[in-house]
Amino acid sequence: MSDSTSIPLPAKHTLRKLGRDLALARRKRGISTADMAARIYVSRGTLWRLEQGDPTVSLGTFATATFVLQLHDRLANLASPGTDELALNLDEARLPKKIHRSRRR
C-alpha cells in the first residue's frame, strides 16, 4: 500500500475494510483475480491494491468493482441525504424554537 500520510487514520481503516470486503465478495462469487481484473479493466496489480484498500486506486475502479459484484446500489446510497444522521440532526437544530404568530393590525 502506498504511503498516504494525508489521509486520516479512520479513513485508512475504512478503505482497508472496504478492500477486504470486496475481496471476500469476489471470492464468494467464485471470481478469480484474473477474471475480476479483466471485468473491471485493470491489471491484477491494481485489483490487488484495491483489495488492500490503497487510497490511490480511482473511485471509478472502485465503482466498477461494486457494479461487477452487484453492490453498486449500496454505493449509490452511501451519502443519501435521507440517511445522513449528522445532516438531519443539524437541520433539526436549525429549526426555530418558537414560531411567533404575526400580528395583524
N, C-alpha and C. Protein backbone atom coordinates (compact mmCIF):
# COMPACT_ATOMS: atom_id res chain seq x y z
N MET A 1 0.85 -1.16 0.00
CA MET A 1 0.00 0.00 0.00
C MET A 1 0.90 1.23 0.00
N SER A 2 0.53 2.25 -0.74
CA SER A 2 1.34 3.44 -0.81
C SER A 2 1.28 4.22 0.49
N ASP A 3 2.30 5.04 0.70
CA ASP A 3 2.34 5.86 1.91
C ASP A 3 1.52 7.12 1.67
N SER A 4 0.36 7.19 2.24
CA SER A 4 -0.52 8.35 2.08
C SER A 4 -0.77 8.96 3.45
N THR A 5 0.15 9.83 3.86
CA THR A 5 0.04 10.41 5.19
C THR A 5 -1.03 11.47 5.28
N SER A 6 -1.54 11.94 4.15
CA SER A 6 -2.55 12.99 4.18
C SER A 6 -3.96 12.45 4.44
N ILE A 7 -4.10 11.16 4.51
CA ILE A 7 -5.41 10.55 4.74
C ILE A 7 -5.57 10.25 6.23
N PRO A 8 -6.66 10.69 6.84
CA PRO A 8 -6.87 10.41 8.27
C PRO A 8 -6.89 8.91 8.54
N LEU A 9 -6.39 8.53 9.70
CA LEU A 9 -6.32 7.12 10.08
C LEU A 9 -7.67 6.40 9.99
N PRO A 10 -8.78 7.01 10.48
CA PRO A 10 -10.07 6.31 10.33
C PRO A 10 -10.44 6.06 8.87
N ALA A 11 -10.06 6.98 7.98
CA ALA A 11 -10.34 6.78 6.56
C ALA A 11 -9.51 5.63 6.00
N LYS A 12 -8.25 5.53 6.45
CA LYS A 12 -7.41 4.41 6.02
C LYS A 12 -8.01 3.08 6.45
N HIS A 13 -8.48 3.03 7.70
CA HIS A 13 -9.10 1.80 8.20
C HIS A 13 -10.35 1.46 7.40
N THR A 14 -11.12 2.48 7.05
CA THR A 14 -12.34 2.26 6.26
C THR A 14 -11.99 1.69 4.89
N LEU A 15 -10.97 2.25 4.25
CA LEU A 15 -10.57 1.75 2.93
C LEU A 15 -10.06 0.31 3.01
N ARG A 16 -9.31 -0.01 4.05
CA ARG A 16 -8.84 -1.39 4.21
C ARG A 16 -10.01 -2.35 4.37
N LYS A 17 -10.99 -1.95 5.18
CA LYS A 17 -12.17 -2.81 5.37
C LYS A 17 -12.94 -2.96 4.07
N LEU A 18 -13.12 -1.86 3.33
CA LEU A 18 -13.80 -1.94 2.04
C LEU A 18 -13.07 -2.88 1.09
N GLY A 19 -11.76 -2.77 1.06
CA GLY A 19 -10.96 -3.65 0.20
C GLY A 19 -11.11 -5.11 0.59
N ARG A 20 -11.03 -5.39 1.89
CA ARG A 20 -11.20 -6.78 2.35
C ARG A 20 -12.60 -7.29 2.02
N ASP A 21 -13.60 -6.44 2.21
CA ASP A 21 -14.97 -6.85 1.93
C ASP A 21 -15.18 -7.12 0.44
N LEU A 22 -14.56 -6.29 -0.41
CA LEU A 22 -14.67 -6.53 -1.86
C LEU A 22 -13.97 -7.84 -2.23
N ALA A 23 -12.82 -8.09 -1.64
CA ALA A 23 -12.11 -9.34 -1.92
C ALA A 23 -12.94 -10.54 -1.49
N LEU A 24 -13.55 -10.45 -0.33
CA LEU A 24 -14.40 -11.54 0.15
C LEU A 24 -15.61 -11.75 -0.76
N ALA A 25 -16.24 -10.64 -1.17
CA ALA A 25 -17.39 -10.74 -2.08
C ALA A 25 -16.98 -11.39 -3.40
N ARG A 26 -15.81 -11.03 -3.91
CA ARG A 26 -15.31 -11.62 -5.15
C ARG A 26 -15.10 -13.12 -4.98
N ARG A 27 -14.45 -13.51 -3.88
CA ARG A 27 -14.19 -14.94 -3.65
C ARG A 27 -15.48 -15.72 -3.46
N LYS A 28 -16.44 -15.16 -2.74
CA LYS A 28 -17.71 -15.85 -2.53
C LYS A 28 -18.45 -16.07 -3.84
N ARG A 29 -18.22 -15.20 -4.82
CA ARG A 29 -18.86 -15.35 -6.12
C ARG A 29 -18.05 -16.24 -7.05
N GLY A 30 -16.92 -16.72 -6.56
CA GLY A 30 -16.09 -17.62 -7.36
C GLY A 30 -15.40 -16.94 -8.52
N ILE A 31 -15.10 -15.65 -8.38
CA ILE A 31 -14.44 -14.90 -9.45
C ILE A 31 -12.94 -14.85 -9.15
N SER A 32 -12.13 -15.30 -10.09
CA SER A 32 -10.68 -15.27 -9.91
C SER A 32 -10.17 -13.84 -10.01
N THR A 33 -8.94 -13.63 -9.53
CA THR A 33 -8.38 -12.28 -9.61
C THR A 33 -8.16 -11.87 -11.07
N ALA A 34 -7.75 -12.83 -11.91
CA ALA A 34 -7.54 -12.51 -13.32
C ALA A 34 -8.85 -12.12 -13.99
N ASP A 35 -9.91 -12.86 -13.70
CA ASP A 35 -11.21 -12.57 -14.30
C ASP A 35 -11.77 -11.24 -13.78
N MET A 36 -11.64 -10.99 -12.48
CA MET A 36 -12.14 -9.74 -11.91
C MET A 36 -11.38 -8.55 -12.49
N ALA A 37 -10.07 -8.66 -12.58
CA ALA A 37 -9.27 -7.58 -13.15
C ALA A 37 -9.70 -7.28 -14.58
N ALA A 38 -9.94 -8.33 -15.35
CA ALA A 38 -10.39 -8.14 -16.73
C ALA A 38 -11.76 -7.48 -16.78
N ARG A 39 -12.66 -7.87 -15.88
CA ARG A 39 -14.01 -7.31 -15.87
C ARG A 39 -14.04 -5.83 -15.48
N ILE A 40 -13.07 -5.41 -14.66
CA ILE A 40 -13.06 -4.01 -14.25
C ILE A 40 -11.99 -3.21 -15.01
N TYR A 41 -11.39 -3.83 -16.03
CA TYR A 41 -10.46 -3.17 -16.94
C TYR A 41 -9.22 -2.62 -16.25
N VAL A 42 -8.66 -3.40 -15.33
CA VAL A 42 -7.42 -3.01 -14.66
C VAL A 42 -6.47 -4.21 -14.63
N SER A 43 -5.24 -3.96 -14.23
CA SER A 43 -4.28 -5.05 -14.06
C SER A 43 -4.57 -5.79 -12.76
N ARG A 44 -4.00 -6.97 -12.65
CA ARG A 44 -4.15 -7.71 -11.39
C ARG A 44 -3.50 -6.96 -10.24
N GLY A 45 -2.45 -6.22 -10.52
CA GLY A 45 -1.79 -5.40 -9.50
C GLY A 45 -2.71 -4.31 -8.96
N THR A 46 -3.45 -3.68 -9.85
CA THR A 46 -4.40 -2.64 -9.42
C THR A 46 -5.54 -3.27 -8.62
N LEU A 47 -5.99 -4.43 -9.05
CA LEU A 47 -7.03 -5.14 -8.28
C LEU A 47 -6.50 -5.48 -6.89
N TRP A 48 -5.27 -5.94 -6.81
CA TRP A 48 -4.67 -6.26 -5.51
C TRP A 48 -4.64 -5.01 -4.64
N ARG A 49 -4.23 -3.87 -5.23
CA ARG A 49 -4.19 -2.62 -4.46
C ARG A 49 -5.59 -2.21 -4.01
N LEU A 50 -6.59 -2.39 -4.86
CA LEU A 50 -7.97 -2.09 -4.49
C LEU A 50 -8.39 -2.94 -3.30
N GLU A 51 -8.09 -4.22 -3.36
CA GLU A 51 -8.49 -5.14 -2.30
C GLU A 51 -7.67 -4.95 -1.02
N GLN A 52 -6.56 -4.23 -1.11
CA GLN A 52 -5.76 -3.89 0.07
C GLN A 52 -6.20 -2.56 0.68
N GLY A 53 -7.07 -1.84 -0.04
CA GLY A 53 -7.55 -0.56 0.46
C GLY A 53 -6.64 0.60 0.12
N ASP A 54 -5.87 0.47 -0.94
CA ASP A 54 -4.96 1.53 -1.37
C ASP A 54 -5.76 2.77 -1.77
N PRO A 55 -5.52 3.91 -1.12
CA PRO A 55 -6.30 5.12 -1.42
C PRO A 55 -6.00 5.73 -2.77
N THR A 56 -4.95 5.27 -3.46
CA THR A 56 -4.64 5.84 -4.77
C THR A 56 -5.41 5.18 -5.91
N VAL A 57 -6.12 4.10 -5.63
CA VAL A 57 -6.94 3.46 -6.65
C VAL A 57 -8.14 4.37 -6.91
N SER A 58 -8.46 4.56 -8.17
CA SER A 58 -9.50 5.53 -8.53
C SER A 58 -10.90 5.11 -8.05
N LEU A 59 -11.70 6.12 -7.80
CA LEU A 59 -13.09 5.88 -7.41
C LEU A 59 -13.84 5.17 -8.53
N GLY A 60 -13.48 5.46 -9.77
CA GLY A 60 -14.10 4.78 -10.91
C GLY A 60 -13.84 3.28 -10.89
N THR A 61 -12.62 2.91 -10.54
CA THR A 61 -12.28 1.48 -10.43
C THR A 61 -13.08 0.84 -9.32
N PHE A 62 -13.17 1.52 -8.19
CA PHE A 62 -13.95 1.03 -7.06
C PHE A 62 -15.42 0.86 -7.46
N ALA A 63 -15.98 1.87 -8.13
CA ALA A 63 -17.39 1.81 -8.55
C ALA A 63 -17.62 0.68 -9.55
N THR A 64 -16.69 0.48 -10.47
CA THR A 64 -16.81 -0.61 -11.43
C THR A 64 -16.77 -1.96 -10.73
N ALA A 65 -15.91 -2.09 -9.74
CA ALA A 65 -15.84 -3.35 -8.97
C ALA A 65 -17.16 -3.61 -8.25
N THR A 66 -17.75 -2.57 -7.66
CA THR A 66 -19.03 -2.78 -6.98
C THR A 66 -20.12 -3.16 -7.97
N PHE A 67 -20.04 -2.63 -9.19
CA PHE A 67 -21.02 -2.99 -10.22
C PHE A 67 -20.87 -4.47 -10.60
N VAL A 68 -19.64 -4.90 -10.83
CA VAL A 68 -19.40 -6.30 -11.21
C VAL A 68 -19.89 -7.24 -10.11
N LEU A 69 -19.72 -6.82 -8.86
CA LEU A 69 -20.15 -7.65 -7.72
C LEU A 69 -21.61 -7.42 -7.34
N GLN A 70 -22.30 -6.60 -8.11
CA GLN A 70 -23.72 -6.26 -7.88
C GLN A 70 -23.94 -5.63 -6.51
N LEU A 71 -23.01 -4.74 -6.14
CA LEU A 71 -23.11 -4.00 -4.89
C LEU A 71 -23.24 -2.50 -5.14
N HIS A 72 -23.42 -2.10 -6.40
CA HIS A 72 -23.42 -0.68 -6.76
C HIS A 72 -24.59 0.10 -6.18
N ASP A 73 -25.71 -0.54 -5.90
CA ASP A 73 -26.84 0.19 -5.29
C ASP A 73 -26.46 0.70 -3.90
N ARG A 74 -25.70 -0.09 -3.17
CA ARG A 74 -25.26 0.35 -1.85
C ARG A 74 -24.32 1.53 -1.96
N LEU A 75 -23.46 1.51 -2.97
CA LEU A 75 -22.54 2.63 -3.18
C LEU A 75 -23.31 3.89 -3.55
N ALA A 76 -24.33 3.74 -4.38
CA ALA A 76 -25.12 4.89 -4.81
C ALA A 76 -25.82 5.57 -3.65
N ASN A 77 -26.12 4.84 -2.60
CA ASN A 77 -26.84 5.40 -1.46
C ASN A 77 -25.93 5.74 -0.28
N LEU A 78 -24.64 5.69 -0.50
CA LEU A 78 -23.68 5.91 0.57
C LEU A 78 -23.88 7.24 1.29
N ALA A 79 -24.09 8.31 0.56
CA ALA A 79 -24.25 9.63 1.16
C ALA A 79 -25.67 10.16 0.97
N SER A 80 -26.62 9.27 0.92
CA SER A 80 -28.02 9.66 0.71
C SER A 80 -28.46 10.63 1.80
N PRO A 81 -29.06 11.76 1.43
CA PRO A 81 -29.50 12.74 2.43
C PRO A 81 -30.47 12.17 3.46
N GLY A 82 -31.27 11.22 3.08
CA GLY A 82 -32.25 10.65 3.99
C GLY A 82 -31.64 9.79 5.10
N THR A 83 -30.41 9.34 4.90
CA THR A 83 -29.76 8.51 5.91
C THR A 83 -28.53 9.18 6.52
N ASP A 84 -28.31 10.44 6.20
CA ASP A 84 -27.18 11.19 6.75
C ASP A 84 -27.58 11.76 8.11
N GLU A 85 -27.30 11.00 9.16
CA GLU A 85 -27.76 11.37 10.51
C GLU A 85 -27.22 12.71 10.97
N LEU A 86 -25.96 13.00 10.68
CA LEU A 86 -25.39 14.27 11.10
C LEU A 86 -26.13 15.44 10.44
N ALA A 87 -26.35 15.35 9.13
CA ALA A 87 -27.05 16.42 8.43
C ALA A 87 -28.48 16.56 8.93
N LEU A 88 -29.15 15.44 9.19
CA LEU A 88 -30.52 15.51 9.70
C LEU A 88 -30.55 16.17 11.07
N ASN A 89 -29.58 15.85 11.93
CA ASN A 89 -29.52 16.47 13.25
C ASN A 89 -29.22 17.96 13.14
N LEU A 90 -28.34 18.34 12.23
CA LEU A 90 -28.05 19.76 12.02
C LEU A 90 -29.27 20.51 11.51
N ASP A 91 -30.01 19.91 10.59
CA ASP A 91 -31.25 20.53 10.11
C ASP A 91 -32.23 20.74 11.24
N GLU A 92 -32.36 19.74 12.09
CA GLU A 92 -33.28 19.83 13.22
C GLU A 92 -32.85 20.92 14.19
N ALA A 93 -31.55 21.05 14.42
CA ALA A 93 -31.05 22.07 15.33
C ALA A 93 -31.28 23.48 14.79
N ARG A 94 -31.38 23.61 13.47
CA ARG A 94 -31.58 24.92 12.85
C ARG A 94 -33.04 25.36 12.83
N LEU A 95 -33.92 24.44 13.16
CA LEU A 95 -35.34 24.80 13.17
C LEU A 95 -35.59 25.85 14.26
N PRO A 96 -36.49 26.77 14.02
CA PRO A 96 -36.78 27.77 15.05
C PRO A 96 -37.38 27.09 16.28
N LYS A 97 -37.02 27.61 17.43
CA LYS A 97 -37.52 27.05 18.69
C LYS A 97 -38.98 27.41 18.90
N LYS A 98 -39.33 28.62 18.53
CA LYS A 98 -40.71 29.09 18.66
C LYS A 98 -41.13 29.72 17.35
N ILE A 99 -42.37 29.56 17.08
CA ILE A 99 -42.94 30.22 15.90
C ILE A 99 -43.91 31.27 16.41
N HIS A 100 -43.62 32.50 16.09
CA HIS A 100 -44.47 33.60 16.54
C HIS A 100 -45.50 33.91 15.48
N ARG A 101 -46.70 34.07 15.94
CA ARG A 101 -47.79 34.44 15.04
C ARG A 101 -47.63 35.90 14.68
N SER A 102 -47.79 36.21 13.43
CA SER A 102 -47.67 37.60 13.03
C SER A 102 -48.86 38.39 13.56
N ARG A 103 -48.59 39.63 13.95
CA ARG A 103 -49.64 40.49 14.47
C ARG A 103 -50.33 41.20 13.32
N ARG A 104 -51.63 41.14 13.34
CA ARG A 104 -52.40 41.85 12.31
C ARG A 104 -52.97 43.10 12.91
N ARG A 105 -52.94 44.16 12.21
CA ARG A 105 -53.47 45.42 12.68
C ARG A 105 -54.62 45.87 11.87
